[in-house]
Amino acid sequence: MPSLPSFGQADRLCCVFPSYMSNATMSSGQVTCALPNPVSLPSTPEHQDFVAVPIKIFVNESVELATREFNFYNCSATVRKAESTP
């Protein structure tokens, strides 16, 4: 995310998923955060091999910097999908 502003030493970044929050770090314009436990993710929709989960990045837990969907892939669903692809 190269368009993010510079942050001070006291500023804290965090990633917020619907049922999970983690501290984040930024290095060279990229934000890194821990991901939620797979059991807390919504079920993979039928006929898909992933579930899209919204994620928001905040500074100091109050200013929303960015939001997007993050795709979590279900490996067994990916294999099933590949087996049925001609």
PDB file of N, CA and C in Angstrom:
ATOM      1  N   MET A   1       0.839  -1.171   0.000  1.00  0.00           N
ATOM      2  CA  MET A   1       0.000   0.000   0.000  1.00  0.00           C
ATOM      3  C   MET A   1       0.889   1.241   0.000  1.00  0.00           C
ATOM      4  N   PRO A   2       1.465   1.567  -1.126  1.00  0.00           N
ATOM      5  CA  PRO A   2       2.416   2.670  -1.172  1.00  0.00           C
ATOM      6  C   PRO A   2       1.797   4.041  -0.889  1.00  0.00           C
ATOM      7  N   SER A   3       0.485   4.185  -0.969  1.00  0.00           N
ATOM      8  CA  SER A   3      -0.133   5.491  -0.759  1.00  0.00           C
ATOM      9  C   SER A   3      -0.456   5.778   0.706  1.00  0.00           C
ATOM     10  N   LEU A   4      -0.115   4.876   1.609  1.00  0.00           N
ATOM     11  CA  LEU A   4      -0.370   5.122   3.027  1.00  0.00           C
ATOM     12  C   LEU A   4       0.566   6.206   3.549  1.00  0.00           C
ATOM     13  N   PRO A   5       0.093   7.004   4.491  1.00  0.00           N
ATOM     14  CA  PRO A   5       0.944   8.059   5.048  1.00  0.00           C
ATOM     15  C   PRO A   5       2.036   7.486   5.949  1.00  0.00           C
ATOM     16  N   SER A   6       3.001   8.332   6.275  1.00  0.00           N
ATOM     17  CA  SER A   6       4.038   7.944   7.237  1.00  0.00           C
ATOM     18  C   SER A   6       3.434   7.953   8.634  1.00  0.00           C
ATOM     19  N   PHE A   7       3.970   7.116   9.505  1.00  0.00           N
ATOM     20  CA  PHE A   7       3.468   7.007  10.864  1.00  0.00           C
ATOM     21  C   PHE A   7       4.573   7.314  11.851  1.00  0.00           C
ATOM     22  N   GLY A   8       4.168   7.834  13.013  1.00  0.00           N
ATOM     23  CA  GLY A   8       5.122   8.116  14.074  1.00  0.00           C
ATOM     24  C   GLY A   8       5.396   6.881  14.907  1.00  0.00           C
ATOM     25  N   GLN A   9       6.403   6.955  15.762  1.00  0.00           N
ATOM     26  CA  GLN A   9       6.782   5.838  16.624  1.00  0.00           C
ATOM     27  C   GLN A   9       5.630   5.406  17.532  1.00  0.00           C
ATOM     28  N   ALA A  10       4.809   6.366  17.957  1.00  0.00           N
ATOM     29  CA  ALA A  10       3.722   6.051  18.896  1.00  0.00           C
ATOM     30  C   ALA A  10       2.475   5.515  18.195  1.00  0.00           C
ATOM     31  N   ASP A  11       2.399   5.659  16.870  1.00  0.00           N
ATOM     32  CA  ASP A  11       1.216   5.181  16.138  1.00  0.00           C
ATOM     33  C   ASP A  11       1.225   3.663  16.043  1.00  0.00           C
ATOM     34  N   ARG A  12       0.034   3.075  16.129  1.00  0.00           N
ATOM     35  CA  ARG A  12      -0.097   1.616  16.046  1.00  0.00           C
ATOM     36  C   ARG A  12      -1.057   1.251  14.918  1.00  0.00           C
ATOM     37  N   LEU A  13      -0.660   0.284  14.128  1.00  0.00           N
ATOM     38  CA  LEU A  13      -1.523  -0.248  13.075  1.00  0.00           C
ATOM     39  C   LEU A  13      -2.189  -1.516  13.567  1.00  0.00           C
ATOM     40  N   CYS A  14      -3.409  -1.761  13.110  1.00  0.00           N
ATOM     41  CA  CYS A  14      -4.061  -3.033  13.408  1.00  0.00           C
ATOM     42  C   CYS A  14      -4.929  -3.453  12.232  1.00  0.00           C
ATOM     43  N   CYS A  15      -5.093  -4.750  12.100  1.00  0.00           N
ATOM     44  CA  CYS A  15      -5.958  -5.345  11.080  1.00  0.00           C
ATOM     45  C   CYS A  15      -7.198  -5.877  11.781  1.00  0.00           C
ATOM     46  N   VAL A  16      -8.357  -5.583  11.204  1.00  0.00           N
ATOM     47  CA  VAL A  16      -9.611  -6.003  11.813  1.00  0.00           C
ATOM     48  C   VAL A  16     -10.398  -6.840  10.808  1.00  0.00           C
ATOM     49  N   PHE A  17     -10.629  -8.090  11.183  1.00  0.00           N
ATOM     50  CA  PHE A  17     -11.503  -8.998  10.450  1.00  0.00           C
ATOM     51  C   PHE A  17     -12.837  -9.006  11.193  1.00  0.00           C
ATOM     52  N   PRO A  18     -13.902  -9.596  10.629  1.00  0.00           N
ATOM     53  CA  PRO A  18     -15.191  -9.577  11.331  1.00  0.00           C
ATOM     54  C   PRO A  18     -15.147 -10.109  12.763  1.00  0.00           C
ATOM     55  N   SER A  19     -14.355 -11.119  13.035  1.00  0.00           N
ATOM     56  CA  SER A  19     -14.334 -11.679  14.389  1.00  0.00           C
ATOM     57  C   SER A  19     -12.920 -11.785  14.953  1.00  0.00           C
ATOM     58  N   TYR A  20     -11.996 -10.948  14.454  1.00  0.00           N
ATOM     59  CA  TYR A  20     -10.602 -11.063  14.870  1.00  0.00           C
ATOM     60  C   TYR A  20      -9.885  -9.733  14.643  1.00  0.00           C
ATOM     61  N   MET A  21      -8.985  -9.390  15.552  1.00  0.00           N
ATOM     62  CA  MET A  21      -8.166  -8.200  15.404  1.00  0.00           C
ATOM     63  C   MET A  21      -6.730  -8.551  15.755  1.00  0.00           C
ATOM     64  N   SER A  22      -5.767  -8.032  15.001  1.00  0.00           N
ATOM     65  CA  SER A  22      -4.359  -8.276  15.310  1.00  0.00           C
ATOM     66  C   SER A  22      -3.552  -7.006  15.077  1.00  0.00           C
ATOM     67  N   ASN A  23      -2.442  -6.901  15.771  1.00  0.00           N
ATOM     68  CA  ASN A  23      -1.516  -5.801  15.526  1.00  0.00           C
ATOM     69  C   ASN A  23      -0.902  -5.992  14.150  1.00  0.00           C
ATOM     70  N   ALA A  24      -0.495  -4.892  13.539  1.00  0.00           N
ATOM     71  CA  ALA A  24       0.083  -4.947  12.201  1.00  0.00           C
ATOM     72  C   ALA A  24       1.380  -4.154  12.177  1.00  0.00           C
ATOM     73  N   THR A  25       2.208  -4.457  11.192  1.00  0.00           N
ATOM     74  CA  THR A  25       3.430  -3.699  10.962  1.00  0.00           C
ATOM     75  C   THR A  25       3.454  -3.252   9.510  1.00  0.00           C
ATOM     76  N   MET A  26       4.185  -2.187   9.239  1.00  0.00           N
ATOM     77  CA  MET A  26       4.336  -1.735   7.859  1.00  0.00           C
ATOM     78  C   MET A  26       5.818  -1.616   7.543  1.00  0.00           C
ATOM     79  N   SER A  27       6.210  -2.202   6.422  1.00  0.00           N
ATOM     80  CA  SER A  27       7.586  -2.151   5.968  1.00  0.00           C
ATOM     81  C   SER A  27       7.581  -2.000   4.455  1.00  0.00           C
ATOM     82  N   SER A  28       8.268  -1.016   3.950  1.00  0.00           N
ATOM     83  CA  SER A  28       8.346  -0.760   2.505  1.00  0.00           C
ATOM     84  C   SER A  28       6.956  -0.662   1.875  1.00  0.00           C
ATOM     85  N   GLY A  29       6.035  -0.048   2.586  1.00  0.00           N
ATOM     86  CA  GLY A  29       4.696   0.158   2.040  1.00  0.00           C
ATOM     87  C   GLY A  29       3.769  -1.036   2.137  1.00  0.00           C
ATOM     88  N   GLN A  30       4.229  -2.142   2.719  1.00  0.00           N
ATOM     89  CA  GLN A  30       3.388  -3.324   2.856  1.00  0.00           C
ATOM     90  C   GLN A  30       2.983  -3.516   4.311  1.00  0.00           C
ATOM     91  N   VAL A  31       1.694  -3.773   4.498  1.00  0.00           N
ATOM     92  CA  VAL A  31       1.170  -4.017   5.838  1.00  0.00           C
ATOM     93  C   VAL A  31       1.114  -5.522   6.060  1.00  0.00           C
ATOM     94  N   THR A  32       1.606  -5.964   7.219  1.00  0.00           N
ATOM     95  CA  THR A  32       1.595  -7.380   7.585  1.00  0.00           C
ATOM     96  C   THR A  32       0.883  -7.542   8.912  1.00  0.00           C
ATOM     97  N   CYS A  33      -0.020  -8.541   8.965  1.00  0.00           N
ATOM     98  CA  CYS A  33      -0.709  -8.808  10.228  1.00  0.00           C
ATOM     99  C   CYS A  33      -0.989 -10.310  10.332  1.00  0.00           C
ATOM    100  N   ALA A  34      -1.241 -10.742  11.551  1.00  0.00           N
ATOM    101  CA  ALA A  34      -1.584 -12.149  11.769  1.00  0.00           C
ATOM    102  C   ALA A  34      -2.997 -12.402  11.249  1.00  0.00           C
ATOM    103  N   LEU A  35      -3.224 -13.603  10.781  1.00  0.00           N
ATOM    104  CA  LEU A  35      -4.532 -13.972  10.244  1.00  0.00           C
ATOM    105  C   LEU A  35      -5.354 -14.705  11.303  1.00  0.00           C
ATOM    106  N   PRO A  36      -6.679 -14.666  11.160  1.00  0.00           N
ATOM    107  CA  PRO A  36      -7.522 -15.377  12.124  1.00  0.00           C
ATOM    108  C   PRO A  36      -7.353 -16.888  12.008  1.00  0.00           C
ATOM    109  N   ASN A  37      -7.707 -17.588  13.072  1.00  0.00           N
ATOM    110  CA  ASN A  37      -7.699 -19.041  13.071  1.00  0.00           C
ATOM    111  C   ASN A  37      -8.704 -19.531  12.018  1.00  0.00           C
ATOM    112  N   PRO A  38      -8.330 -20.485  11.182  1.00  0.00           N
ATOM    113  CA  PRO A  38      -9.238 -20.960  10.130  1.00  0.00           C
ATOM    114  C   PRO A  38     -10.618 -21.403  10.637  1.00  0.00           C
ATOM    115  N   VAL A  39     -10.706 -21.917  11.859  1.00  0.00           N
ATOM    116  CA  VAL A  39     -12.013 -22.361  12.352  1.00  0.00           C
ATOM    117  C   VAL A  39     -12.964 -21.190  12.594  1.00  0.00           C
ATOM    118  N   SER A  40     -12.431 -19.981  12.701  1.00  0.00           N
ATOM    119  CA  SER A  40     -13.293 -18.822  12.921  1.00  0.00           C
ATOM    120  C   SER A  40     -13.763 -18.171  11.615  1.00  0.00           C
ATOM    121  N   LEU A  41     -13.298 -18.699  10.481  1.00  0.00           N
ATOM    122  CA  LEU A  41     -13.707 -18.146   9.189  1.00  0.00           C
ATOM    123  C   LEU A  41     -15.069 -18.687   8.780  1.00  0.00           C
ATOM    124  N   PRO A  42     -15.803 -17.921   7.971  1.00  0.00           N
ATOM    125  CA  PRO A  42     -17.073 -18.447   7.440  1.00  0.00           C
ATOM    126  C   PRO A  42     -16.804 -19.671   6.565  1.00  0.00           C
ATOM    127  N   SER A  43     -17.816 -20.489   6.380  1.00  0.00           N
ATOM    128  CA  SER A  43     -17.690 -21.677   5.523  1.00  0.00           C
ATOM    129  C   SER A  43     -17.459 -21.262   4.080  1.00  0.00           C
ATOM    130  N   THR A  44     -16.722 -22.108   3.363  1.00  0.00           N
ATOM    131  CA  THR A  44     -16.503 -21.872   1.942  1.00  0.00           C
ATOM    132  C   THR A  44     -17.814 -22.125   1.197  1.00  0.00           C
ATOM    133  N   PRO A  45     -18.277 -21.158   0.393  1.00  0.00           N
ATOM    134  CA  PRO A  45     -19.520 -21.367  -0.356  1.00  0.00           C
ATOM    135  C   PRO A  45     -19.399 -22.562  -1.312  1.00  0.00           C
ATOM    136  N   GLU A  46     -20.520 -23.238  -1.510  1.00  0.00           N
ATOM    137  CA  GLU A  46     -20.541 -24.369  -2.432  1.00  0.00           C
ATOM    138  C   GLU A  46     -20.140 -23.890  -3.822  1.00  0.00           C
ATOM    139  N   HIS A  47     -19.412 -24.710  -4.551  1.00  0.00           N
ATOM    140  CA  HIS A  47     -18.925 -24.430  -5.903  1.00  0.00           C
ATOM    141  C   HIS A  47     -17.848 -23.354  -5.931  1.00  0.00           C
ATOM    142  N   GLN A  48     -17.264 -23.043  -4.769  1.00  0.00           N
ATOM    143  CA  GLN A  48     -16.122 -22.130  -4.699  1.00  0.00           C
ATOM    144  C   GLN A  48     -15.021 -22.825  -3.922  1.00  0.00           C
ATOM    145  N   ASP A  49     -13.792 -22.376  -4.158  1.00  0.00           N
ATOM    146  CA  ASP A  49     -12.672 -22.929  -3.392  1.00  0.00           C
ATOM    147  C   ASP A  49     -12.080 -21.891  -2.439  1.00  0.00           C
ATOM    148  N   PHE A  50     -12.798 -20.804  -2.236  1.00  0.00           N
ATOM    149  CA  PHE A  50     -12.340 -19.775  -1.308  1.00  0.00           C
ATOM    150  C   PHE A  50     -13.536 -19.071  -0.682  1.00  0.00           C
ATOM    151  N   VAL A  51     -13.260 -18.373   0.414  1.00  0.00           N
ATOM    152  CA  VAL A  51     -14.260 -17.505   1.034  1.00  0.00           C
ATOM    153  C   VAL A  51     -13.619 -16.122   1.143  1.00  0.00           C
ATOM    154  N   ALA A  52     -14.348 -15.095   0.711  1.00  0.00           N
ATOM    155  CA  ALA A  52     -13.858 -13.716   0.785  1.00  0.00           C
ATOM    156  C   ALA A  52     -14.281 -13.115   2.123  1.00  0.00           C
ATOM    157  N   VAL A  53     -13.303 -12.591   2.852  1.00  0.00           N
ATOM    158  CA  VAL A  53     -13.549 -12.021   4.182  1.00  0.00           C
ATOM    159  C   VAL A  53     -13.074 -10.568   4.185  1.00  0.00           C
ATOM    160  N   PRO A  54     -13.902  -9.634   4.632  1.00  0.00           N
ATOM    161  CA  PRO A  54     -13.458  -8.238   4.669  1.00  0.00           C
ATOM    162  C   PRO A  54     -12.390  -8.016   5.737  1.00  0.00           C
ATOM    163  N   ILE A  55     -11.445  -7.151   5.419  1.00  0.00           N
ATOM    164  CA  ILE A  55     -10.401  -6.755   6.368  1.00  0.00           C
ATOM    165  C   ILE A  55     -10.261  -5.234   6.304  1.00  0.00           C
ATOM    166  N   LYS A  56     -10.084  -4.636   7.464  1.00  0.00           N
ATOM    167  CA  LYS A  56      -9.863  -3.196   7.549  1.00  0.00           C
ATOM    168  C   LYS A  56      -8.560  -2.949   8.285  1.00  0.00           C
ATOM    169  N   ILE A  57      -7.831  -1.927   7.850  1.00  0.00           N
ATOM    170  CA  ILE A  57      -6.593  -1.541   8.504  1.00  0.00           C
ATOM    171  C   ILE A  57      -6.825  -0.196   9.187  1.00  0.00           C
ATOM    172  N   PHE A  58      -6.520  -0.162  10.478  1.00  0.00           N
ATOM    173  CA  PHE A  58      -6.709   1.045  11.277  1.00  0.00           C
ATOM    174  C   PHE A  58      -5.374   1.519  11.833  1.00  0.00           C
ATOM    175  N   VAL A  59      -5.276   2.812  12.078  1.00  0.00           N
ATOM    176  CA  VAL A  59      -4.165   3.361  12.842  1.00  0.00           C
ATOM    177  C   VAL A  59      -4.740   3.824  14.174  1.00  0.00           C
ATOM    178  N   ASN A  60      -4.074   3.430  15.236  1.00  0.00           N
ATOM    179  CA  ASN A  60      -4.502   3.761  16.605  1.00  0.00           C
ATOM    180  C   ASN A  60      -5.942   3.331  16.891  1.00  0.00           C
ATOM    181  N   GLU A  61      -6.374   2.273  16.241  1.00  0.00           N
ATOM    182  CA  GLU A  61      -7.692   1.651  16.440  1.00  0.00           C
ATOM    183  C   GLU A  61      -8.872   2.579  16.185  1.00  0.00           C
ATOM    184  N   SER A  62      -8.623   3.759  15.595  1.00  0.00           N
ATOM    185  CA  SER A  62      -9.740   4.685  15.399  1.00  0.00           C
ATOM    186  C   SER A  62      -9.825   5.269  13.990  1.00  0.00           C
ATOM    187  N   VAL A  63      -8.718   5.316  13.265  1.00  0.00           N
ATOM    188  CA  VAL A  63      -8.721   5.904  11.926  1.00  0.00           C
ATOM    189  C   VAL A  63      -8.595   4.780  10.900  1.00  0.00           C
ATOM    190  N   GLU A  64      -9.643   4.600  10.101  1.00  0.00           N
ATOM    191  CA  GLU A  64      -9.623   3.548   9.076  1.00  0.00           C
ATOM    192  C   GLU A  64      -8.797   4.015   7.885  1.00  0.00           C
ATOM    193  N   LEU A  65      -7.758   3.239   7.567  1.00  0.00           N
ATOM    194  CA  LEU A  65      -6.867   3.585   6.460  1.00  0.00           C
ATOM    195  C   LEU A  65      -7.253   2.901   5.163  1.00  0.00           C
ATOM    196  N   ALA A  66      -7.685   1.661   5.262  1.00  0.00           N
ATOM    197  CA  ALA A  66      -7.974   0.882   4.057  1.00  0.00           C
ATOM    198  C   ALA A  66      -8.938  -0.243   4.400  1.00  0.00           C
ATOM    199  N   THR A  67      -9.651  -0.680   3.374  1.00  0.00           N
ATOM    200  CA  THR A  67     -10.527  -1.839   3.522  1.00  0.00           C
ATOM    201  C   THR A  67     -10.533  -2.605   2.205  1.00  0.00           C
ATOM    202  N   ARG A  68     -10.637  -3.909   2.293  1.00  0.00           N
ATOM    203  CA  ARG A  68     -10.720  -4.766   1.100  1.00  0.00           C
ATOM    204  C   ARG A  68     -11.139  -6.159   1.532  1.00  0.00           C
ATOM    205  N   GLU A  69     -11.321  -7.038   0.574  1.00  0.00           N
ATOM    206  CA  GLU A  69     -11.621  -8.432   0.888  1.00  0.00           C
ATOM    207  C   GLU A  69     -10.356  -9.257   0.727  1.00  0.00           C
ATOM    208  N   PHE A  70     -10.176 -10.202   1.633  1.00  0.00           N
ATOM    209  CA  PHE A  70      -9.049 -11.119   1.588  1.00  0.00           C
ATOM    210  C   PHE A  70      -9.618 -12.503   1.314  1.00  0.00           C
ATOM    211  N   ASN A  71      -9.093 -13.195   0.309  1.00  0.00           N
ATOM    212  CA  ASN A  71      -9.582 -14.529  -0.041  1.00  0.00           C
ATOM    213  C   ASN A  71      -8.809 -15.594   0.724  1.00  0.00           C
ATOM    214  N   PHE A  72      -9.550 -16.395   1.477  1.00  0.00           N
ATOM    215  CA  PHE A  72      -8.983 -17.551   2.169  1.00  0.00           C
ATOM    216  C   PHE A  72      -9.354 -18.784   1.358  1.00  0.00           C
ATOM    217  N   TYR A  73      -8.354 -19.522   0.895  1.00  0.00           N
ATOM    218  CA  TYR A  73      -8.603 -20.700   0.064  1.00  0.00           C
ATOM    219  C   TYR A  73      -8.732 -21.954   0.916  1.00  0.00           C
ATOM    220  N   ASN A  74      -9.679 -22.795   0.527  1.00  0.00           N
ATOM    221  CA  ASN A  74      -9.920 -24.080   1.160  1.00  0.00           C
ATOM    222  C   ASN A  74      -9.220 -25.123   0.288  1.00  0.00           C
ATOM    223  N   CYS A  75      -8.121 -25.685   0.774  1.00  0.00           N
ATOM    224  CA  CYS A  75      -7.308 -26.596  -0.039  1.00  0.00           C
ATOM    225  C   CYS A  75      -8.099 -27.797  -0.542  1.00  0.00           C
ATOM    226  N   SER A  76      -8.936 -28.390   0.306  1.00  0.00           N
ATOM    227  CA  SER A  76      -9.689 -29.562  -0.143  1.00  0.00           C
ATOM    228  C   SER A  76     -10.711 -29.166  -1.208  1.00  0.00           C
ATOM    229  N   ALA A  77     -11.309 -27.982  -1.099  1.00  0.00           N
ATOM    230  CA  ALA A  77     -12.246 -27.526  -2.126  1.00  0.00           C
ATOM    231  C   ALA A  77     -11.511 -27.228  -3.432  1.00  0.00           C
ATOM    232  N   THR A  78     -10.285 -26.743  -3.342  1.00  0.00           N
ATOM    233  CA  THR A  78      -9.491 -26.483  -4.533  1.00  0.00           C
ATOM    234  C   THR A  78      -9.188 -27.779  -5.263  1.00  0.00           C
ATOM    235  N   VAL A  79      -8.846 -28.830  -4.517  1.00  0.00           N
ATOM    236  CA  VAL A  79      -8.573 -30.128  -5.119  1.00  0.00           C
ATOM    237  C   VAL A  79      -9.828 -30.678  -5.784  1.00  0.00           C
ATOM    238  N   ARG A  80     -10.968 -30.595  -5.090  1.00  0.00           N
ATOM    239  CA  ARG A  80     -12.236 -31.072  -5.683  1.00  0.00           C
ATOM    240  C   ARG A  80     -12.570 -30.307  -6.947  1.00  0.00           C
ATOM    241  N   LYS A  81     -12.351 -29.003  -6.931  1.00  0.00           N
ATOM    242  CA  LYS A  81     -12.645 -28.185  -8.099  1.00  0.00           C
ATOM    243  C   LYS A  81     -11.742 -28.572  -9.258  1.00  0.00           C
ATOM    244  N   ALA A  82     -10.449 -28.821  -8.983  1.00  0.00           N
ATOM    245  CA  ALA A  82      -9.513 -29.209 -10.027  1.00  0.00           C
ATOM    246  C   ALA A  82      -9.860 -30.569 -10.617  1.00  0.00           C
ATOM    247  N   GLU A  83     -10.354 -31.492  -9.765  1.00  0.00           N
ATOM    248  CA  GLU A  83     -10.709 -32.828 -10.251  1.00  0.00           C
ATOM    249  C   GLU A  83     -11.886 -32.780 -11.203  1.00  0.00           C
ATOM    250  N   SER A  84     -12.793 -31.811 -11.035  1.00  0.00           N
ATOM    251  CA  SER A  84     -13.981 -31.737 -11.883  1.00  0.00           C
ATOM    252  C   SER A  84     -13.796 -30.800 -13.074  1.00  0.00           C
ATOM    253  N   THR A  85     -12.612 -30.202 -13.200  1.00  0.00           N
ATOM    254  CA  THR A  85     -12.334 -29.301 -14.330  1.00  0.00           C
ATOM    255  C   THR A  85     -11.813 -30.133 -15.497  1.00  0.00           C
ATOM    256  N   PRO A  86     -12.403 -29.930 -16.681  1.00  0.00           N
ATOM    257  CA  PRO A  86     -11.928 -30.715 -17.849  1.00  0.00           C
ATOM    258  C   PRO A  86     -10.536 -30.356 -18.276  1.00  0.00           C
TER     259      PRO A  86
END
